[in-house]
């Protein structure tokens, strides 16, 4: 009887561990989609060209850095959105940065990009960059 009780106890622990793993996996998926939503909002409000779906990736805080810390608070959503997508930032990003990283946030019709789908970037031979004011 002691062996049967032990086997039942182990089976209950294994079932509980499976539930914990499933809950953790769901939490990871939920966190990922939450971060994607933060990034989409951040990038949509920082388009490099107003008439295109390309966003300026390095979006600094009010002090032109990437700490997102003020005298009164830490902007955890701003910090999380910035660091979720991009991991290497300069200490300070000047208004006229010499390097600019852009990321597409939508296709040409404004729809979100889809994993597994192929997209083309067409740049005319005579393309001349224009100053975006950044």
N, C-alpha and C. Protein backbone atom coordinates (compact mmCIF):
# COMPACT_ATOMS: atom_id res chain seq x y z
N UNK A 1 0.81 -1.19 0.00
CA UNK A 1 0.00 0.00 0.00
C UNK A 1 0.86 1.26 0.00
N UNK A 2 2.01 1.20 0.65
CA UNK A 2 2.91 2.33 0.72
C UNK A 2 3.45 2.67 -0.67
N UNK A 3 3.77 1.66 -1.48
CA UNK A 3 4.28 1.87 -2.84
C UNK A 3 3.21 2.54 -3.69
N UNK A 4 1.98 2.07 -3.62
CA UNK A 4 0.88 2.64 -4.40
C UNK A 4 0.67 4.10 -4.02
N UNK A 5 0.77 4.42 -2.76
CA UNK A 5 0.60 5.79 -2.28
C UNK A 5 1.73 6.67 -2.82
N UNK A 6 2.94 6.14 -2.82
CA UNK A 6 4.09 6.89 -3.34
C UNK A 6 3.94 7.14 -4.84
N UNK A 7 3.52 6.11 -5.61
CA UNK A 7 3.33 6.26 -7.06
C UNK A 7 2.26 7.31 -7.33
N UNK A 8 1.17 7.28 -6.57
CA UNK A 8 0.10 8.26 -6.73
C UNK A 8 0.62 9.67 -6.44
N UNK A 9 1.43 9.80 -5.41
CA UNK A 9 2.00 11.09 -5.04
C UNK A 9 2.92 11.62 -6.14
N UNK A 10 3.75 10.75 -6.70
CA UNK A 10 4.65 11.14 -7.79
C UNK A 10 3.83 11.55 -9.02
N UNK A 11 2.79 10.80 -9.32
CA UNK A 11 1.93 11.13 -10.47
C UNK A 11 1.29 12.51 -10.28
N UNK A 12 0.87 12.81 -9.06
CA UNK A 12 0.29 14.12 -8.78
C UNK A 12 1.32 15.24 -8.94
N UNK A 13 2.55 14.98 -8.51
CA UNK A 13 3.62 15.98 -8.66
C UNK A 13 3.93 16.21 -10.13
N UNK A 14 3.98 15.15 -10.92
CA UNK A 14 4.26 15.29 -12.35
C UNK A 14 3.15 16.08 -13.02
N UNK A 15 1.91 15.79 -12.68
CA UNK A 15 0.78 16.53 -13.25
C UNK A 15 0.85 18.01 -12.87
N UNK A 16 1.19 18.27 -11.62
CA UNK A 16 1.32 19.66 -11.16
C UNK A 16 2.45 20.37 -11.90
N UNK A 17 3.57 19.68 -12.11
CA UNK A 17 4.69 20.27 -12.85
C UNK A 17 4.29 20.58 -14.29
N UNK A 18 3.52 19.70 -14.91
CA UNK A 18 3.05 19.95 -16.28
C UNK A 18 2.21 21.22 -16.32
N UNK A 19 1.33 21.38 -15.33
CA UNK A 19 0.49 22.58 -15.27
C UNK A 19 1.35 23.83 -15.10
N UNK A 20 2.38 23.73 -14.28
CA UNK A 20 3.28 24.86 -14.07
C UNK A 20 4.00 25.20 -15.37
N UNK A 21 4.50 24.20 -16.08
CA UNK A 21 5.20 24.43 -17.35
C UNK A 21 4.25 25.07 -18.35
N UNK A 22 3.04 24.58 -18.46
CA UNK A 22 2.06 25.15 -19.39
C UNK A 22 1.74 26.61 -19.03
N UNK A 23 1.60 26.88 -17.74
CA UNK A 23 1.33 28.25 -17.30
C UNK A 23 2.51 29.17 -17.63
N UNK A 24 3.74 28.69 -17.41
CA UNK A 24 4.92 29.49 -17.72
C UNK A 24 5.04 29.74 -19.22
N UNK A 25 4.77 28.72 -20.02
CA UNK A 25 4.82 28.90 -21.48
C UNK A 25 3.77 29.92 -21.93
N UNK A 26 2.58 29.87 -21.37
CA UNK A 26 1.55 30.85 -21.71
C UNK A 26 2.00 32.25 -21.29
N UNK A 27 2.61 32.35 -20.12
CA UNK A 27 3.11 33.64 -19.65
C UNK A 27 4.16 34.22 -20.58
N UNK A 28 5.04 33.36 -21.09
CA UNK A 28 6.08 33.81 -22.03
C UNK A 28 5.44 34.33 -23.31
N UNK A 29 4.47 33.60 -23.81
CA UNK A 29 3.77 34.03 -25.04
C UNK A 29 3.05 35.35 -24.81
N UNK A 30 2.34 35.46 -23.67
CA UNK A 30 1.64 36.71 -23.35
C UNK A 30 2.62 37.88 -23.24
N UNK A 31 3.76 37.66 -22.59
CA UNK A 31 4.76 38.72 -22.45
C UNK A 31 5.31 39.14 -23.80
N UNK A 32 5.56 38.17 -24.67
CA UNK A 32 6.06 38.49 -26.01
C UNK A 32 5.07 39.39 -26.76
N UNK A 33 3.79 39.02 -26.74
CA UNK A 33 2.80 39.83 -27.46
C UNK A 33 2.62 41.20 -26.82
N UNK A 34 2.75 41.28 -25.51
CA UNK A 34 2.70 42.57 -24.83
C UNK A 34 3.85 43.46 -25.29
N UNK A 35 5.05 42.88 -25.38
CA UNK A 35 6.22 43.64 -25.82
C UNK A 35 6.07 44.05 -27.29
N UNK A 36 5.54 43.16 -28.11
CA UNK A 36 5.31 43.50 -29.52
C UNK A 36 4.37 44.69 -29.62
N UNK A 37 3.34 44.71 -28.79
CA UNK A 37 2.38 45.82 -28.79
C UNK A 37 3.07 47.13 -28.39
N UNK A 38 3.92 47.08 -27.36
CA UNK A 38 4.66 48.27 -26.95
C UNK A 38 5.55 48.77 -28.09
N UNK A 39 6.27 47.85 -28.74
CA UNK A 39 7.15 48.24 -29.85
C UNK A 39 6.36 48.81 -31.02
N UNK A 40 5.24 48.19 -31.36
CA UNK A 40 4.42 48.68 -32.47
C UNK A 40 3.97 50.11 -32.20
N UNK A 41 3.54 50.37 -30.97
CA UNK A 41 3.10 51.72 -30.60
C UNK A 41 4.27 52.71 -30.67
N UNK A 42 5.43 52.31 -30.13
CA UNK A 42 6.61 53.17 -30.15
C UNK A 42 7.05 53.47 -31.58
N UNK A 43 7.15 52.44 -32.40
CA UNK A 43 7.63 52.63 -33.76
C UNK A 43 6.63 53.39 -34.63
N UNK A 44 5.35 53.13 -34.45
CA UNK A 44 4.34 53.84 -35.24
C UNK A 44 4.35 55.34 -34.95
N UNK A 45 4.79 55.71 -33.75
CA UNK A 45 4.84 57.14 -33.41
C UNK A 45 6.19 57.77 -33.75
N UNK A 46 7.09 56.99 -34.35
CA UNK A 46 8.42 57.50 -34.70
C UNK A 46 8.82 57.12 -36.12
N UNK A 47 7.92 57.36 -37.06
CA UNK A 47 8.22 57.03 -38.45
C UNK A 47 9.32 57.93 -38.98
N UNK A 48 10.22 57.34 -39.73
CA UNK A 48 11.34 58.10 -40.29
C UNK A 48 10.85 59.03 -41.39
N UNK A 49 10.00 58.51 -42.25
CA UNK A 49 9.32 59.30 -43.27
C UNK A 49 7.83 59.22 -42.97
N UNK A 50 7.13 60.33 -42.91
CA UNK A 50 5.70 60.30 -42.55
C UNK A 50 4.84 59.49 -43.52
N UNK A 51 5.27 59.36 -44.77
CA UNK A 51 4.45 58.66 -45.76
C UNK A 51 4.91 57.22 -46.02
N UNK A 52 5.73 56.67 -45.13
CA UNK A 52 6.23 55.29 -45.28
C UNK A 52 6.00 54.53 -43.98
N UNK A 53 6.20 53.23 -44.03
CA UNK A 53 6.02 52.39 -42.84
C UNK A 53 7.36 51.95 -42.27
N UNK A 54 8.32 52.86 -42.26
CA UNK A 54 9.65 52.58 -41.73
C UNK A 54 9.85 53.44 -40.49
N UNK A 55 10.24 52.80 -39.42
CA UNK A 55 10.40 53.50 -38.16
C UNK A 55 11.87 53.66 -37.81
N UNK A 56 12.15 54.74 -37.12
CA UNK A 56 13.45 54.98 -36.53
C UNK A 56 13.57 54.02 -35.34
N UNK A 57 14.53 53.11 -35.35
CA UNK A 57 14.62 52.07 -34.33
C UNK A 57 15.15 52.62 -33.00
N UNK A 58 16.14 53.47 -33.06
CA UNK A 58 16.73 54.00 -31.83
C UNK A 58 15.93 55.22 -31.38
N UNK A 59 14.96 55.01 -30.52
CA UNK A 59 14.12 56.09 -30.02
C UNK A 59 14.55 56.40 -28.58
N UNK A 60 15.28 57.50 -28.40
CA UNK A 60 15.83 57.80 -27.08
C UNK A 60 14.79 58.40 -26.13
N UNK A 61 15.19 58.52 -24.88
CA UNK A 61 14.34 59.17 -23.87
C UNK A 61 14.47 60.69 -24.02
N UNK A 62 13.85 61.43 -23.12
CA UNK A 62 13.85 62.90 -23.20
C UNK A 62 15.25 63.50 -23.09
N UNK A 63 16.20 62.77 -22.46
CA UNK A 63 17.57 63.26 -22.31
C UNK A 63 18.47 62.75 -23.45
N UNK A 64 17.87 62.19 -24.50
CA UNK A 64 18.58 61.67 -25.67
C UNK A 64 19.43 60.45 -25.35
N UNK A 65 19.12 59.79 -24.25
CA UNK A 65 19.80 58.56 -23.87
C UNK A 65 18.83 57.40 -23.88
N UNK A 66 19.21 56.31 -23.26
CA UNK A 66 18.37 55.12 -23.29
C UNK A 66 18.15 54.53 -21.90
N UNK A 67 18.27 55.39 -20.87
CA UNK A 67 18.02 54.95 -19.50
C UNK A 67 16.54 55.05 -19.13
N UNK A 68 15.85 56.05 -19.69
CA UNK A 68 14.44 56.30 -19.41
C UNK A 68 14.19 56.56 -17.92
N UNK A 69 15.14 57.29 -17.32
CA UNK A 69 15.05 57.64 -15.91
C UNK A 69 14.97 59.16 -15.79
N UNK A 70 14.03 59.62 -14.98
CA UNK A 70 13.92 61.06 -14.68
C UNK A 70 14.14 61.23 -13.18
N UNK A 71 14.02 62.45 -12.72
CA UNK A 71 14.16 62.71 -11.28
C UNK A 71 13.04 62.05 -10.48
N UNK A 72 11.90 61.83 -11.14
CA UNK A 72 10.73 61.34 -10.42
C UNK A 72 10.32 59.90 -10.74
N UNK A 73 10.82 59.34 -11.83
CA UNK A 73 10.30 58.03 -12.23
C UNK A 73 11.23 57.32 -13.20
N UNK A 74 10.92 56.06 -13.40
CA UNK A 74 11.54 55.26 -14.44
C UNK A 74 10.43 54.87 -15.42
N UNK A 75 10.59 55.25 -16.67
CA UNK A 75 9.59 54.89 -17.69
C UNK A 75 9.84 53.44 -18.10
N UNK A 76 9.23 52.52 -17.37
CA UNK A 76 9.53 51.10 -17.62
C UNK A 76 8.97 50.63 -18.96
N UNK A 77 7.83 51.19 -19.39
CA UNK A 77 7.30 50.78 -20.69
C UNK A 77 8.20 51.29 -21.83
N UNK A 78 8.64 52.54 -21.73
CA UNK A 78 9.54 53.09 -22.75
C UNK A 78 10.85 52.34 -22.80
N UNK A 79 11.40 52.06 -21.63
CA UNK A 79 12.66 51.31 -21.56
C UNK A 79 12.48 49.90 -22.11
N UNK A 80 11.41 49.25 -21.71
CA UNK A 80 11.16 47.88 -22.17
C UNK A 80 10.98 47.83 -23.68
N UNK A 81 10.21 48.77 -24.23
CA UNK A 81 9.98 48.79 -25.68
C UNK A 81 11.29 49.01 -26.43
N UNK A 82 12.11 49.93 -25.94
CA UNK A 82 13.37 50.23 -26.61
C UNK A 82 14.32 49.04 -26.56
N UNK A 83 14.49 48.45 -25.40
CA UNK A 83 15.48 47.39 -25.23
C UNK A 83 14.99 46.03 -25.71
N UNK A 84 13.70 45.85 -25.86
CA UNK A 84 13.17 44.58 -26.37
C UNK A 84 13.58 44.36 -27.82
N UNK A 85 13.54 45.42 -28.60
CA UNK A 85 13.81 45.31 -30.03
C UNK A 85 15.28 45.45 -30.38
N UNK A 86 15.99 46.28 -29.67
CA UNK A 86 17.36 46.66 -30.04
C UNK A 86 18.20 46.62 -28.78
N UNK A 87 19.40 46.09 -28.84
CA UNK A 87 20.15 45.90 -27.60
C UNK A 87 21.41 46.75 -27.45
N UNK A 88 21.94 47.29 -28.51
CA UNK A 88 23.18 48.06 -28.40
C UNK A 88 22.90 49.51 -28.78
N UNK A 89 22.96 50.37 -27.79
CA UNK A 89 22.68 51.78 -28.01
C UNK A 89 23.91 52.62 -27.66
N UNK A 90 24.04 53.77 -28.32
CA UNK A 90 25.08 54.70 -27.88
C UNK A 90 24.65 55.30 -26.54
N UNK A 91 25.59 55.88 -25.82
CA UNK A 91 25.25 56.49 -24.54
C UNK A 91 24.25 57.63 -24.75
N UNK A 92 24.48 58.42 -25.77
CA UNK A 92 23.61 59.54 -26.12
C UNK A 92 23.42 59.54 -27.63
N UNK A 93 22.21 59.84 -28.06
CA UNK A 93 21.91 59.92 -29.49
C UNK A 93 21.65 61.38 -29.82
N UNK A 94 22.53 61.97 -30.60
CA UNK A 94 22.37 63.38 -30.93
C UNK A 94 21.24 63.55 -31.94
N UNK A 95 20.79 64.78 -32.07
CA UNK A 95 19.68 65.06 -32.98
C UNK A 95 20.03 64.72 -34.42
N UNK A 96 21.28 64.90 -34.80
CA UNK A 96 21.71 64.61 -36.17
C UNK A 96 22.70 63.44 -36.15
N UNK A 97 22.19 62.29 -35.76
CA UNK A 97 23.03 61.09 -35.64
C UNK A 97 23.62 60.72 -36.99
N UNK A 98 24.86 60.24 -36.96
CA UNK A 98 25.53 59.82 -38.19
C UNK A 98 25.07 58.45 -38.67
N UNK A 99 24.51 57.68 -37.79
CA UNK A 99 24.01 56.35 -38.14
C UNK A 99 22.55 56.26 -37.76
N UNK A 100 21.77 55.72 -38.67
CA UNK A 100 20.34 55.57 -38.43
C UNK A 100 19.94 54.14 -38.74
N UNK A 101 19.22 53.51 -37.84
CA UNK A 101 18.70 52.17 -38.08
C UNK A 101 17.20 52.27 -38.27
N UNK A 102 16.72 51.73 -39.37
CA UNK A 102 15.30 51.74 -39.66
C UNK A 102 14.76 50.32 -39.64
N UNK A 103 13.49 50.19 -39.31
CA UNK A 103 12.83 48.88 -39.32
C UNK A 103 11.45 49.06 -39.93
N UNK A 104 11.05 48.11 -40.75
CA UNK A 104 9.69 48.18 -41.28
C UNK A 104 8.69 47.79 -40.20
N UNK A 105 7.59 48.51 -40.12
CA UNK A 105 6.57 48.15 -39.13
C UNK A 105 5.28 47.67 -39.79
N UNK A 106 5.21 47.79 -41.12
CA UNK A 106 4.02 47.36 -41.85
C UNK A 106 4.40 47.17 -43.31
N UNK A 107 3.54 46.47 -44.04
CA UNK A 107 3.79 46.32 -45.47
C UNK A 107 3.30 47.57 -46.20
N UNK A 108 3.38 47.58 -47.52
CA UNK A 108 3.03 48.77 -48.29
C UNK A 108 1.57 49.17 -48.14
N UNK A 109 0.70 48.24 -47.75
CA UNK A 109 -0.71 48.58 -47.55
C UNK A 109 -1.04 48.88 -46.09
N UNK A 110 -0.01 48.90 -45.23
CA UNK A 110 -0.21 49.23 -43.82
C UNK A 110 -0.53 48.04 -42.93
N UNK A 111 -0.50 46.83 -43.47
CA UNK A 111 -0.78 45.64 -42.68
C UNK A 111 0.48 45.19 -41.94
N UNK A 112 0.32 44.63 -40.73
CA UNK A 112 1.50 44.14 -40.00
C UNK A 112 2.26 43.09 -40.80
N UNK A 113 3.58 43.08 -40.63
CA UNK A 113 4.39 42.07 -41.30
C UNK A 113 4.08 40.69 -40.73
N UNK A 114 4.12 39.68 -41.58
CA UNK A 114 3.80 38.32 -41.15
C UNK A 114 5.02 37.43 -41.25
N UNK A 115 5.24 36.62 -40.22
CA UNK A 115 6.35 35.66 -40.24
C UNK A 115 6.13 34.68 -41.38
N UNK A 116 7.21 34.34 -42.07
CA UNK A 116 7.14 33.37 -43.15
C UNK A 116 6.76 33.96 -44.50
N UNK A 117 6.32 35.20 -44.51
CA UNK A 117 5.95 35.85 -45.76
C UNK A 117 7.17 36.59 -46.31
N UNK A 118 7.31 36.62 -47.63
CA UNK A 118 8.44 37.28 -48.27
C UNK A 118 8.04 38.70 -48.67
N UNK A 119 8.92 39.65 -48.37
CA UNK A 119 8.69 41.04 -48.72
C UNK A 119 9.86 41.54 -49.56
N UNK A 120 9.59 42.50 -50.42
CA UNK A 120 10.64 43.09 -51.24
C UNK A 120 10.77 44.56 -50.91
N UNK A 121 12.01 45.01 -50.92
CA UNK A 121 12.30 46.43 -50.76
C UNK A 121 12.83 46.91 -52.10
N UNK A 122 12.14 47.85 -52.67
CA UNK A 122 12.56 48.38 -53.97
C UNK A 122 13.13 49.78 -53.77
N UNK A 123 14.38 49.94 -54.12
CA UNK A 123 15.04 51.24 -54.02
C UNK A 123 15.42 51.65 -55.44
N UNK A 124 14.87 52.75 -55.94
CA UNK A 124 15.19 53.19 -57.30
C UNK A 124 16.68 53.49 -57.46
N UNK A 125 17.19 53.27 -58.67
CA UNK A 125 18.61 53.55 -58.93
C UNK A 125 18.96 54.99 -58.62
N UNK A 126 18.03 55.88 -58.88
CA UNK A 126 18.30 57.31 -58.71
C UNK A 126 17.84 57.82 -57.35
N UNK A 127 17.66 56.95 -56.38
CA UNK A 127 17.18 57.37 -55.06
C UNK A 127 18.17 58.30 -54.39
N UNK A 128 17.67 59.38 -53.89
CA UNK A 128 18.51 60.32 -53.12
C UNK A 128 17.90 60.45 -51.73
N UNK A 129 18.66 60.12 -50.71
CA UNK A 129 18.14 60.29 -49.35
C UNK A 129 17.81 61.74 -49.07
N UNK A 130 16.78 61.95 -48.30
CA UNK A 130 16.48 63.32 -47.91
C UNK A 130 16.59 63.44 -46.41
N UNK A 131 16.86 64.60 -45.97
CA UNK A 131 17.02 64.84 -44.54
C UNK A 131 15.66 64.73 -43.87
N UNK A 132 15.56 63.85 -42.88
CA UNK A 132 14.28 63.65 -42.19
C UNK A 132 14.07 64.64 -41.06
N UNK A 133 15.07 65.43 -40.76
CA UNK A 133 14.95 66.36 -39.66
C UNK A 133 15.40 65.79 -38.33
N UNK A 134 15.84 64.54 -38.32
CA UNK A 134 16.32 63.94 -37.07
C UNK A 134 17.78 64.27 -36.88
